[in-house]
Amino acid sequence: MRISSASYAYPRLDTESRATIARRLLTSPVPDDTVVLSTCLRVEIVTSGDAKHLRRVLHSILGEELTEQIPGQIRSDRAAVVHLARVAAGLESPILGEVEILSQFRQAVNEAEKAGRIGGIFARLMEALVSIGRRGRDLIPGSAHASMGMIAAQAVGAATEVAIFGSGTMATAVATALRSLPAPPRVTLLARRPSAVTITGVEVWPFERVLEALEHFPAVVSATSAKQRPIDDDSLRGVLSARTSPLVLVDMAMPPDFVPPDGSMVEYVDIDALARVADRRPRGEDADAFVADAAAEAHHRFADHHEIAPIISGMVASADDIVERVVQRFAGRLQSEEEIAVLRQAAHTVSRTLLAGPIEYVKRADSNETLEALAEAFGVADE
């Protein structure tokens, strides 16, 4: 089986290019056998198939013109699997080990499974990448700053009050980061479903109060995932013109929630600006090595499962047949069915123990030639 992915990510693509891709995703249905991860800094489109199949998927989601206008980074097979594992672990993020990306990756996989778009071995591979990402991130030296939410919290400066637009993964991360500051501001979160938000120490407003927040709060962080902007450009100009004090407006949404407003009283900070100031610590060599090896092994199981499974089952069946012949050979020398059962169990235990090493070797075989040789050696070729 094959797997291919297209990446549209910071810093290779600028904000507007990523925003164009993100806007199209808001209105385009996702085909079967496809997972789409869309965050403030990247879009990953993953499908079960070769590069030609991926191109058809991109045409279906983005359209032919946009696919040609903004080409993604195309990867296939092992390269795609290793890349996606690195994304899940936060090794491809501006902040090494970014904590939010794993939750977003897991959510994208869960949504694809819930919608019935992926299943079987492809779904198991994507789930394995979530697990690899989690374990890989554990190998990265801890840091209180390994979060885009913390970078956004630091961007609001010494504001005593902060409003957050949104209630998803990133908005929650910002609220949590603000509450963890040495001198935490008063935090108000604006949500479309206020009753669903339960963050200790955070006041919750209905989303309809965005104009009020923009007019009165000294700092606003927008981290929505809505299909439309929270406020149109004319209304934004009107509410900002009524302000009598400066506003720090941090826009983490993708596509952006705001067009950078004119006016000396507004400091506009977009997601790319946050990424540029992110603390990129030295690479985590242990995490890099683990993720690369674990992802390569996951790809091997995914790509060759049709060839591997028959060989393993053939090896086991051949051993079971030998066990049964041996049992029948010696059964006449035993006194009861219980003794025969003990002999059969002992023989099975020995056969499984002896097969454990060869089966593991089959799972890790790195070429079809090796698989064919092993199949022939165990008498299960062409089964």
Foldseek 3Di string as FASTA:
>chain_A
DKKKKFKDFPPVHDLVLQLLLLLLQVPADQAAQWFWQRFLTMIMIMGGDDPVVVLVRCCRRPNPVSCVVRPTDMDMFLVRLLVLLCQLLQVPALQRRAPLRLVSLVVRLVVSVVVVRDDDLSSVLSVLSSVLSVVLNVLDDDDPQSYLLLLVLPLLPPFQEEEEEADDSSSLSVVVNLVPDPRRHQYEYEYCDQVVDDDPRYHYDHLVCPLVCLQPGQEYEYAHSDSAASDDPVSSVVSVVNHPAAHEYEFSYRSTNDDPDDDPRYHYHYNVNSSVPRDHDPRSVVSSVSSSVSSSLSSLCSVCVVLLVLLVVLLLVLQLVVLVVVLVVCVVVDDDPVVSVVSSVVSSVVSCVVCPVVSVCSSVDDDVVVSQVSSVVSVNHPD
